[in-house]
Amino acid sequence: MARKKIPDTTEGLDHEIAILRDLIRQAAAKQSDTLTLEEQLDLLDTVGKTAPALARLLKARCDLANQELDPAALLRQALLELEEEWPELKKFGEQFKNR
């Protein structure tokens, strides 16, 4: 029985996390005493908008990692794979899905 590979959605999240981290680093590197108040506020605005987005992505990444290890999720995936290979099981399970 060949197992289907679960799509690796963490790769896309990791890429976006790296982009946001880089943007925050760049904004921090531009900080200096010679910047005007407007330039400093622009940098602060960039970091202020980017940091919460980064936090949401990091939380999503953590939730996804936990979900991949969740026994209930693994069992559901195994049952779905069995239903694909065993039509009688799928037909039997459909009796209970609408209740």
PDB file of N, CA and C in Angstrom:
ATOM      1  N   MET A   1       0.847  -1.173   0.000  1.00  0.00           N
ATOM      2  CA  MET A   1       0.000   0.000   0.000  1.00  0.00           C
ATOM      3  C   MET A   1       0.897   1.242   0.000  1.00  0.00           C
ATOM      4  N   ALA A   2       0.827   2.036  -1.047  1.00  0.00           N
ATOM      5  CA  ALA A   2       1.626   3.255  -1.153  1.00  0.00           C
ATOM      6  C   ALA A   2       0.927   4.376  -0.400  1.00  0.00           C
ATOM      7  N   ARG A   3       1.657   5.030   0.485  1.00  0.00           N
ATOM      8  CA  ARG A   3       1.083   6.135   1.263  1.00  0.00           C
ATOM      9  C   ARG A   3       1.244   7.420   0.482  1.00  0.00           C
ATOM     10  N   LYS A   4       0.191   8.224   0.493  1.00  0.00           N
ATOM     11  CA  LYS A   4       0.273   9.535  -0.145  1.00  0.00           C
ATOM     12  C   LYS A   4       1.045  10.471   0.759  1.00  0.00           C
ATOM     13  N   LYS A   5       1.886  11.275   0.160  1.00  0.00           N
ATOM     14  CA  LYS A   5       2.653  12.255   0.926  1.00  0.00           C
ATOM     15  C   LYS A   5       1.740  13.419   1.278  1.00  0.00           C
ATOM     16  N   ILE A   6       1.723  13.794   2.552  1.00  0.00           N
ATOM     17  CA  ILE A   6       0.963  14.955   2.988  1.00  0.00           C
ATOM     18  C   ILE A   6       1.688  16.193   2.470  1.00  0.00           C
ATOM     19  N   PRO A   7       0.985  17.117   1.812  1.00  0.00           N
ATOM     20  CA  PRO A   7       1.649  18.302   1.244  1.00  0.00           C
ATOM     21  C   PRO A   7       2.415  19.077   2.313  1.00  0.00           C
ATOM     22  N   ASP A   8       3.589  19.555   1.945  1.00  0.00           N
ATOM     23  CA  ASP A   8       4.431  20.295   2.884  1.00  0.00           C
ATOM     24  C   ASP A   8       4.084  21.778   2.813  1.00  0.00           C
ATOM     25  N   THR A   9       3.108  22.178   3.609  1.00  0.00           N
ATOM     26  CA  THR A   9       2.689  23.578   3.607  1.00  0.00           C
ATOM     27  C   THR A   9       3.597  24.427   4.473  1.00  0.00           C
ATOM     28  N   THR A  10       4.424  23.787   5.289  1.00  0.00           N
ATOM     29  CA  THR A  10       5.321  24.555   6.148  1.00  0.00           C
ATOM     30  C   THR A  10       6.404  25.253   5.341  1.00  0.00           C
ATOM     31  N   GLU A  11       6.729  24.734   4.167  1.00  0.00           N
ATOM     32  CA  GLU A  11       7.769  25.360   3.345  1.00  0.00           C
ATOM     33  C   GLU A  11       7.363  26.773   2.944  1.00  0.00           C
ATOM     34  N   GLY A  12       6.134  26.958   2.526  1.00  0.00           N
ATOM     35  CA  GLY A  12       5.640  28.282   2.159  1.00  0.00           C
ATOM     36  C   GLY A  12       5.616  29.223   3.348  1.00  0.00           C
ATOM     37  N   LEU A  13       5.186  28.715   4.501  1.00  0.00           N
ATOM     38  CA  LEU A  13       5.179  29.536   5.715  1.00  0.00           C
ATOM     39  C   LEU A  13       6.595  29.944   6.098  1.00  0.00           C
ATOM     40  N   ASP A  14       7.515  29.000   6.025  1.00  0.00           N
ATOM     41  CA  ASP A  14       8.901  29.315   6.378  1.00  0.00           C
ATOM     42  C   ASP A  14       9.469  30.407   5.473  1.00  0.00           C
ATOM     43  N   HIS A  15       9.109  30.362   4.200  1.00  0.00           N
ATOM     44  CA  HIS A  15       9.589  31.380   3.256  1.00  0.00           C
ATOM     45  C   HIS A  15       9.028  32.756   3.625  1.00  0.00           C
ATOM     46  N   GLU A  16       7.725  32.818   3.914  1.00  0.00           N
ATOM     47  CA  GLU A  16       7.115  34.093   4.296  1.00  0.00           C
ATOM     48  C   GLU A  16       7.680  34.613   5.612  1.00  0.00           C
ATOM     49  N   ILE A  17       7.931  33.723   6.555  1.00  0.00           N
ATOM     50  CA  ILE A  17       8.524  34.113   7.837  1.00  0.00           C
ATOM     51  C   ILE A  17       9.908  34.716   7.601  1.00  0.00           C
ATOM     52  N   ALA A  18      10.693  34.090   6.733  1.00  0.00           N
ATOM     53  CA  ALA A  18      12.033  34.602   6.434  1.00  0.00           C
ATOM     54  C   ALA A  18      11.960  35.993   5.797  1.00  0.00           C
ATOM     55  N   ILE A  19      11.001  36.200   4.921  1.00  0.00           N
ATOM     56  CA  ILE A  19      10.840  37.507   4.271  1.00  0.00           C
ATOM     57  C   ILE A  19      10.515  38.579   5.301  1.00  0.00           C
ATOM     58  N   LEU A  20       9.560  38.301   6.194  1.00  0.00           N
ATOM     59  CA  LEU A  20       9.177  39.290   7.207  1.00  0.00           C
ATOM     60  C   LEU A  20      10.318  39.568   8.185  1.00  0.00           C
ATOM     61  N   ARG A  21      11.034  38.527   8.570  1.00  0.00           N
ATOM     62  CA  ARG A  21      12.182  38.728   9.468  1.00  0.00           C
ATOM     63  C   ARG A  21      13.226  39.611   8.803  1.00  0.00           C
ATOM     64  N   ASP A  22      13.467  39.367   7.512  1.00  0.00           N
ATOM     65  CA  ASP A  22      14.440  40.175   6.776  1.00  0.00           C
ATOM     66  C   ASP A  22      13.991  41.630   6.688  1.00  0.00           C
ATOM     67  N   LEU A  23      12.706  41.846   6.449  1.00  0.00           N
ATOM     68  CA  LEU A  23      12.170  43.204   6.370  1.00  0.00           C
ATOM     69  C   LEU A  23      12.356  43.940   7.704  1.00  0.00           C
ATOM     70  N   ILE A  24      12.105  43.259   8.798  1.00  0.00           N
ATOM     71  CA  ILE A  24      12.294  43.873  10.119  1.00  0.00           C
ATOM     72  C   ILE A  24      13.770  44.178  10.355  1.00  0.00           C
ATOM     73  N   ARG A  25      14.644  43.255   9.970  1.00  0.00           N
ATOM     74  CA  ARG A  25      16.089  43.494  10.123  1.00  0.00           C
ATOM     75  C   ARG A  25      16.544  44.700   9.301  1.00  0.00           C
ATOM     76  N   GLN A  26      16.046  44.790   8.074  1.00  0.00           N
ATOM     77  CA  GLN A  26      16.413  45.920   7.215  1.00  0.00           C
ATOM     78  C   GLN A  26      15.943  47.238   7.821  1.00  0.00           C
ATOM     79  N   ALA A  27      14.727  47.249   8.343  1.00  0.00           N
ATOM     80  CA  ALA A  27      14.205  48.472   8.963  1.00  0.00           C
ATOM     81  C   ALA A  27      15.044  48.844  10.180  1.00  0.00           C
ATOM     82  N   ALA A  28      15.416  47.860  10.976  1.00  0.00           N
ATOM     83  CA  ALA A  28      16.231  48.133  12.161  1.00  0.00           C
ATOM     84  C   ALA A  28      17.619  48.634  11.768  1.00  0.00           C
ATOM     85  N   ALA A  29      18.166  48.106  10.685  1.00  0.00           N
ATOM     86  CA  ALA A  29      19.497  48.524  10.234  1.00  0.00           C
ATOM     87  C   ALA A  29      19.507  49.966   9.728  1.00  0.00           C
ATOM     88  N   LYS A  30      18.379  50.450   9.247  1.00  0.00           N
ATOM     89  CA  LYS A  30      18.303  51.820   8.731  1.00  0.00           C
ATOM     90  C   LYS A  30      18.171  52.859   9.849  1.00  0.00           C
ATOM     91  N   GLN A  31      17.870  52.407  11.048  1.00  0.00           N
ATOM     92  CA  GLN A  31      17.693  53.335  12.161  1.00  0.00           C
ATOM     93  C   GLN A  31      19.013  54.056  12.466  1.00  0.00           C
ATOM     94  N   SER A  32      18.946  55.397  12.541  1.00  0.00           N
ATOM     95  CA  SER A  32      20.122  56.187  12.906  1.00  0.00           C
ATOM     96  C   SER A  32      19.663  57.548  13.427  1.00  0.00           C
ATOM     97  N   ASP A  33      20.579  58.251  14.046  1.00  0.00           N
ATOM     98  CA  ASP A  33      20.273  59.580  14.592  1.00  0.00           C
ATOM     99  C   ASP A  33      20.082  60.624  13.501  1.00  0.00           C
ATOM    100  N   THR A  34      20.515  60.325  12.289  1.00  0.00           N
ATOM    101  CA  THR A  34      20.431  61.316  11.210  1.00  0.00           C
ATOM    102  C   THR A  34      19.093  61.297  10.473  1.00  0.00           C
ATOM    103  N   LEU A  35      18.240  60.331  10.794  1.00  0.00           N
ATOM    104  CA  LEU A  35      16.936  60.246  10.119  1.00  0.00           C
ATOM    105  C   LEU A  35      16.013  61.345  10.621  1.00  0.00           C
ATOM    106  N   THR A  36      15.187  61.808   9.711  1.00  0.00           N
ATOM    107  CA  THR A  36      14.177  62.792  10.109  1.00  0.00           C
ATOM    108  C   THR A  36      13.096  62.081  10.912  1.00  0.00           C
ATOM    109  N   LEU A  37      12.276  62.863  11.572  1.00  0.00           N
ATOM    110  CA  LEU A  37      11.182  62.298  12.339  1.00  0.00           C
ATOM    111  C   LEU A  37      10.252  61.485  11.428  1.00  0.00           C
ATOM    112  N   GLU A  38       9.980  62.002  10.243  1.00  0.00           N
ATOM    113  CA  GLU A  38       9.107  61.295   9.303  1.00  0.00           C
ATOM    114  C   GLU A  38       9.707  59.955   8.878  1.00  0.00           C
ATOM    115  N   GLU A  39      11.020  59.931   8.621  1.00  0.00           N
ATOM    116  CA  GLU A  39      11.677  58.678   8.243  1.00  0.00           C
ATOM    117  C   GLU A  39      11.646  57.676   9.400  1.00  0.00           C
ATOM    118  N   GLN A  40      11.858  58.172  10.619  1.00  0.00           N
ATOM    119  CA  GLN A  40      11.798  57.281  11.780  1.00  0.00           C
ATOM    120  C   GLN A  40      10.392  56.727  11.975  1.00  0.00           C
ATOM    121  N   LEU A  41       9.400  57.561  11.757  1.00  0.00           N
ATOM    122  CA  LEU A  41       8.015  57.100  11.880  1.00  0.00           C
ATOM    123  C   LEU A  41       7.676  56.076  10.796  1.00  0.00           C
ATOM    124  N   ASP A  42       8.213  56.264   9.599  1.00  0.00           N
ATOM    125  CA  ASP A  42       8.001  55.288   8.523  1.00  0.00           C
ATOM    126  C   ASP A  42       8.609  53.930   8.895  1.00  0.00           C
ATOM    127  N   LEU A  43       9.816  53.966   9.463  1.00  0.00           N
ATOM    128  CA  LEU A  43      10.446  52.718   9.902  1.00  0.00           C
ATOM    129  C   LEU A  43       9.630  52.056  11.004  1.00  0.00           C
ATOM    130  N   LEU A  44       9.190  52.850  11.951  1.00  0.00           N
ATOM    131  CA  LEU A  44       8.381  52.331  13.050  1.00  0.00           C
ATOM    132  C   LEU A  44       7.072  51.746  12.515  1.00  0.00           C
ATOM    133  N   ASP A  45       6.481  52.407  11.536  1.00  0.00           N
ATOM    134  CA  ASP A  45       5.250  51.916  10.929  1.00  0.00           C
ATOM    135  C   ASP A  45       5.488  50.568  10.238  1.00  0.00           C
ATOM    136  N   THR A  46       6.608  50.463   9.547  1.00  0.00           N
ATOM    137  CA  THR A  46       6.943  49.203   8.872  1.00  0.00           C
ATOM    138  C   THR A  46       7.069  48.066   9.882  1.00  0.00           C
ATOM    139  N   VAL A  47       7.825  48.322  10.941  1.00  0.00           N
ATOM    140  CA  VAL A  47       8.012  47.293  11.970  1.00  0.00           C
ATOM    141  C   VAL A  47       6.690  47.010  12.676  1.00  0.00           C
ATOM    142  N   GLY A  48       5.919  48.064  12.939  1.00  0.00           N
ATOM    143  CA  GLY A  48       4.643  47.904  13.623  1.00  0.00           C
ATOM    144  C   GLY A  48       3.650  47.068  12.840  1.00  0.00           C
ATOM    145  N   LYS A  49       3.698  47.146  11.530  1.00  0.00           N
ATOM    146  CA  LYS A  49       2.805  46.339  10.692  1.00  0.00           C
ATOM    147  C   LYS A  49       3.362  44.943  10.451  1.00  0.00           C
ATOM    148  N   THR A  50       4.671  44.844  10.397  1.00  0.00           N
ATOM    149  CA  THR A  50       5.303  43.576  10.064  1.00  0.00           C
ATOM    150  C   THR A  50       5.355  42.626  11.262  1.00  0.00           C
ATOM    151  N   ALA A  51       5.619  43.146  12.446  1.00  0.00           N
ATOM    152  CA  ALA A  51       5.768  42.291  13.623  1.00  0.00           C
ATOM    153  C   ALA A  51       4.511  41.468  13.923  1.00  0.00           C
ATOM    154  N   PRO A  52       3.303  42.048  13.913  1.00  0.00           N
ATOM    155  CA  PRO A  52       2.114  41.218  14.160  1.00  0.00           C
ATOM    156  C   PRO A  52       1.895  40.161  13.070  1.00  0.00           C
ATOM    157  N   ALA A  53       2.203  40.520  11.815  1.00  0.00           N
ATOM    158  CA  ALA A  53       2.073  39.547  10.733  1.00  0.00           C
ATOM    159  C   ALA A  53       3.046  38.395  10.947  1.00  0.00           C
ATOM    160  N   LEU A  54       4.257  38.720  11.374  1.00  0.00           N
ATOM    161  CA  LEU A  54       5.251  37.693  11.674  1.00  0.00           C
ATOM    162  C   LEU A  54       4.769  36.812  12.821  1.00  0.00           C
ATOM    163  N   ALA A  55       4.215  37.422  13.853  1.00  0.00           N
ATOM    164  CA  ALA A  55       3.703  36.645  14.994  1.00  0.00           C
ATOM    165  C   ALA A  55       2.598  35.687  14.552  1.00  0.00           C
ATOM    166  N   ARG A  56       1.693  36.152  13.676  1.00  0.00           N
ATOM    167  CA  ARG A  56       0.614  35.278  13.186  1.00  0.00           C
ATOM    168  C   ARG A  56       1.178  34.105  12.393  1.00  0.00           C
ATOM    169  N   LEU A  57       2.176  34.364  11.553  1.00  0.00           N
ATOM    170  CA  LEU A  57       2.781  33.278  10.766  1.00  0.00           C
ATOM    171  C   LEU A  57       3.505  32.282  11.665  1.00  0.00           C
ATOM    172  N   LEU A  58       4.202  32.784  12.676  1.00  0.00           N
ATOM    173  CA  LEU A  58       4.890  31.883  13.599  1.00  0.00           C
ATOM    174  C   LEU A  58       3.892  31.017  14.366  1.00  0.00           C
ATOM    175  N   LYS A  59       2.764  31.603  14.762  1.00  0.00           N
ATOM    176  CA  LYS A  59       1.730  30.836  15.454  1.00  0.00           C
ATOM    177  C   LYS A  59       1.137  29.792  14.516  1.00  0.00           C
ATOM    178  N   ALA A  60       0.873  30.174  13.265  1.00  0.00           N
ATOM    179  CA  ALA A  60       0.341  29.224  12.288  1.00  0.00           C
ATOM    180  C   ALA A  60       1.311  28.078  12.064  1.00  0.00           C
ATOM    181  N   ARG A  61       2.594  28.411  12.002  1.00  0.00           N
ATOM    182  CA  ARG A  61       3.637  27.378  11.818  1.00  0.00           C
ATOM    183  C   ARG A  61       3.641  26.419  12.988  1.00  0.00           C
ATOM    184  N   CYS A  62       3.530  26.941  14.196  1.00  0.00           N
ATOM    185  CA  CYS A  62       3.496  26.114  15.400  1.00  0.00           C
ATOM    186  C   CYS A  62       2.239  25.246  15.416  1.00  0.00           C
ATOM    187  N   ASP A  63       1.096  25.840  15.094  1.00  0.00           N
ATOM    188  CA  ASP A  63      -0.164  25.085  15.063  1.00  0.00           C
ATOM    189  C   ASP A  63      -0.105  23.966  14.032  1.00  0.00           C
ATOM    190  N   LEU A  64       0.479  24.261  12.883  1.00  0.00           N
ATOM    191  CA  LEU A  64       0.599  23.251  11.835  1.00  0.00           C
ATOM    192  C   LEU A  64       1.489  22.100  12.287  1.00  0.00           C
ATOM    193  N   ALA A  65       2.587  22.419  12.932  1.00  0.00           N
ATOM    194  CA  ALA A  65       3.488  21.377  13.433  1.00  0.00           C
ATOM    195  C   ALA A  65       2.773  20.515  14.469  1.00  0.00           C
ATOM    196  N   ASN A  66       1.999  21.140  15.352  1.00  0.00           N
ATOM    197  CA  ASN A  66       1.263  20.382  16.362  1.00  0.00           C
ATOM    198  C   ASN A  66       0.180  19.520  15.726  1.00  0.00           C
ATOM    199  N   GLN A  67      -0.473  20.051  14.678  1.00  0.00           N
ATOM    200  CA  GLN A  67      -1.533  19.314  14.001  1.00  0.00           C
ATOM    201  C   GLN A  67      -0.971  18.064  13.326  1.00  0.00           C
ATOM    202  N   GLU A  68       0.228  18.177  12.757  1.00  0.00           N
ATOM    203  CA  GLU A  68       0.838  17.034  12.076  1.00  0.00           C
ATOM    204  C   GLU A  68       1.137  15.904  13.046  1.00  0.00           C
ATOM    205  N   LEU A  69       1.313  16.223  14.332  1.00  0.00           N
ATOM    206  CA  LEU A  69       1.598  15.210  15.342  1.00  0.00           C
ATOM    207  C   LEU A  69       0.352  14.791  16.109  1.00  0.00           C
ATOM    208  N   ASP A  70      -0.798  15.407  15.810  1.00  0.00           N
ATOM    209  CA  ASP A  70      -2.043  15.124  16.512  1.00  0.00           C
ATOM    210  C   ASP A  70      -2.530  13.717  16.164  1.00  0.00           C
ATOM    211  N   PRO A  71      -2.682  12.846  17.164  1.00  0.00           N
ATOM    212  CA  PRO A  71      -3.125  11.473  16.880  1.00  0.00           C
ATOM    213  C   PRO A  71      -4.475  11.415  16.165  1.00  0.00           C
ATOM    214  N   ALA A  72      -5.408  12.300  16.509  1.00  0.00           N
ATOM    215  CA  ALA A  72      -6.712  12.300  15.850  1.00  0.00           C
ATOM    216  C   ALA A  72      -6.566  12.646  14.368  1.00  0.00           C
ATOM    217  N   ALA A  73      -5.710  13.620  14.060  1.00  0.00           N
ATOM    218  CA  ALA A  73      -5.494  13.996  12.659  1.00  0.00           C
ATOM    219  C   ALA A  73      -4.834  12.856  11.891  1.00  0.00           C
ATOM    220  N   LEU A  74      -3.894  12.172  12.523  1.00  0.00           N
ATOM    221  CA  LEU A  74      -3.238  11.036  11.868  1.00  0.00           C
ATOM    222  C   LEU A  74      -4.236   9.910  11.621  1.00  0.00           C
ATOM    223  N   LEU A  75      -5.123   9.663  12.586  1.00  0.00           N
ATOM    224  CA  LEU A  75      -6.138   8.627  12.422  1.00  0.00           C
ATOM    225  C   LEU A  75      -7.118   8.984  11.301  1.00  0.00           C
ATOM    226  N   ARG A  76      -7.550  10.264  11.263  1.00  0.00           N
ATOM    227  CA  ARG A  76      -8.440  10.696  10.179  1.00  0.00           C
ATOM    228  C   ARG A  76      -7.783  10.491   8.820  1.00  0.00           C
ATOM    229  N   GLN A  77      -6.512  10.841   8.716  1.00  0.00           N
ATOM    230  CA  GLN A  77      -5.792  10.682   7.450  1.00  0.00           C
ATOM    231  C   GLN A  77      -5.712   9.209   7.067  1.00  0.00           C
ATOM    232  N   ALA A  78      -5.439   8.345   8.032  1.00  0.00           N
ATOM    233  CA  ALA A  78      -5.361   6.909   7.758  1.00  0.00           C
ATOM    234  C   ALA A  78      -6.710   6.362   7.290  1.00  0.00           C
ATOM    235  N   LEU A  79      -7.793   6.815   7.936  1.00  0.00           N
ATOM    236  CA  LEU A  79      -9.128   6.363   7.533  1.00  0.00           C
ATOM    237  C   LEU A  79      -9.480   6.844   6.129  1.00  0.00           C
ATOM    238  N   LEU A  80      -9.119   8.075   5.804  1.00  0.00           N
ATOM    239  CA  LEU A  80      -9.366   8.574   4.447  1.00  0.00           C
ATOM    240  C   LEU A  80      -8.621   7.751   3.403  1.00  0.00           C
ATOM    241  N   GLU A  81      -7.387   7.390   3.715  1.00  0.00           N
ATOM    242  CA  GLU A  81      -6.600   6.571   2.792  1.00  0.00           C
ATOM    243  C   GLU A  81      -7.208   5.181   2.642  1.00  0.00           C
ATOM    244  N   LEU A  82      -7.702   4.615   3.757  1.00  0.00           N
ATOM    245  CA  LEU A  82      -8.354   3.307   3.691  1.00  0.00           C
ATOM    246  C   LEU A  82      -9.641   3.370   2.866  1.00  0.00           C
ATOM    247  N   GLU A  83     -10.404   4.456   3.020  1.00  0.00           N
ATOM    248  CA  GLU A  83     -11.637   4.608   2.255  1.00  0.00           C
ATOM    249  C   GLU A  83     -11.364   4.662   0.757  1.00  0.00           C
ATOM    250  N   GLU A  84     -10.246   5.264   0.368  1.00  0.00           N
ATOM    251  CA  GLU A  84      -9.897   5.336  -1.046  1.00  0.00           C
ATOM    252  C   GLU A  84      -9.603   3.950  -1.616  1.00  0.00           C
ATOM    253  N   GLU A  85      -8.995   3.095  -0.796  1.00  0.00           N
ATOM    254  CA  GLU A  85      -8.599   1.774  -1.261  1.00  0.00           C
ATOM    255  C   GLU A  85      -9.667   0.714  -1.026  1.00  0.00           C
ATOM    256  N   TRP A  86     -10.639   1.024  -0.177  1.00  0.00           N
ATOM    257  CA  TRP A  86     -11.641   0.035   0.200  1.00  0.00           C
ATOM    258  C   TRP A  86     -13.026   0.669   0.073  1.00  0.00           C
ATOM    259  N   PRO A  87     -13.647   0.561  -1.105  1.00  0.00           N
ATOM    260  CA  PRO A  87     -14.938   1.222  -1.358  1.00  0.00           C
ATOM    261  C   PRO A  87     -16.038   0.817  -0.372  1.00  0.00           C
ATOM    262  N   GLU A  88     -15.985  -0.436   0.113  1.00  0.00           N
ATOM    263  CA  GLU A  88     -17.002  -0.878   1.063  1.00  0.00           C
ATOM    264  C   GLU A  88     -16.925  -0.082   2.363  1.00  0.00           C
ATOM    265  N   LEU A  89     -15.729   0.242   2.794  1.00  0.00           N
ATOM    266  CA  LEU A  89     -15.557   1.036   4.010  1.00  0.00           C
ATOM    267  C   LEU A  89     -16.086   2.444   3.793  1.00  0.00           C
ATOM    268  N   LYS A  90     -15.816   3.002   2.628  1.00  0.00           N
ATOM    269  CA  LYS A  90     -16.316   4.340   2.321  1.00  0.00           C
ATOM    270  C   LYS A  90     -17.848   4.357   2.337  1.00  0.00           C
ATOM    271  N   LYS A  91     -18.464   3.349   1.718  1.00  0.00           N
ATOM    272  CA  LYS A  91     -19.925   3.259   1.684  1.00  0.00           C
ATOM    273  C   LYS A  91     -20.483   3.099   3.096  1.00  0.00           C
ATOM    274  N   PHE A  92     -19.834   2.292   3.914  1.00  0.00           N
ATOM    275  CA  PHE A  92     -20.264   2.094   5.296  1.00  0.00           C
ATOM    276  C   PHE A  92     -20.155   3.405   6.082  1.00  0.00           C
ATOM    277  N   GLY A  93     -19.062   4.138   5.914  1.00  0.00           N
ATOM    278  CA  GLY A  93     -18.849   5.390   6.628  1.00  0.00           C
ATOM    279  C   GLY A  93     -19.823   6.486   6.238  1.00  0.00           C
ATOM    280  N   GLU A  94     -20.268   6.479   4.977  1.00  0.00           N
ATOM    281  CA  GLU A  94     -21.207   7.497   4.512  1.00  0.00           C
ATOM    282  C   GLU A  94     -22.553   7.426   5.227  1.00  0.00           C
ATOM    283  N   GLN A  95     -22.894   6.255   5.765  1.00  0.00           N
ATOM    284  CA  GLN A  95     -24.137   6.117   6.519  1.00  0.00           C
ATOM    285  C   GLN A  95     -24.154   6.997   7.751  1.00  0.00           C
ATOM    286  N   PHE A  96     -22.994   7.279   8.298  1.00  0.00           N
ATOM    287  CA  PHE A  96     -22.901   7.999   9.573  1.00  0.00           C
ATOM    288  C   PHE A  96     -22.504   9.462   9.433  1.00  0.00           C
ATOM    289  N   LYS A  97     -22.133   9.888   8.257  1.00  0.00           N
ATOM    290  CA  LYS A  97     -21.662  11.262   8.064  1.00  0.00           C
ATOM    291  C   LYS A  97     -22.775  12.293   8.151  1.00  0.00           C
ATOM    292  N   ASN A  98     -23.998  11.946   7.828  1.00  0.00           N
ATOM    293  CA  ASN A  98     -25.098  12.903   7.836  1.00  0.00           C
ATOM    294  C   ASN A  98     -25.814  12.980   9.174  1.00  0.00           C
ATOM    295  N   ARG A  99     -25.369  12.274  10.142  1.00  0.00           N
ATOM    296  CA  ARG A  99     -26.050  12.288  11.451  1.00  0.00           C
ATOM    297  C   ARG A  99     -25.501  13.330  12.343  1.00  0.00           C
TER     298      ARG A  99
END
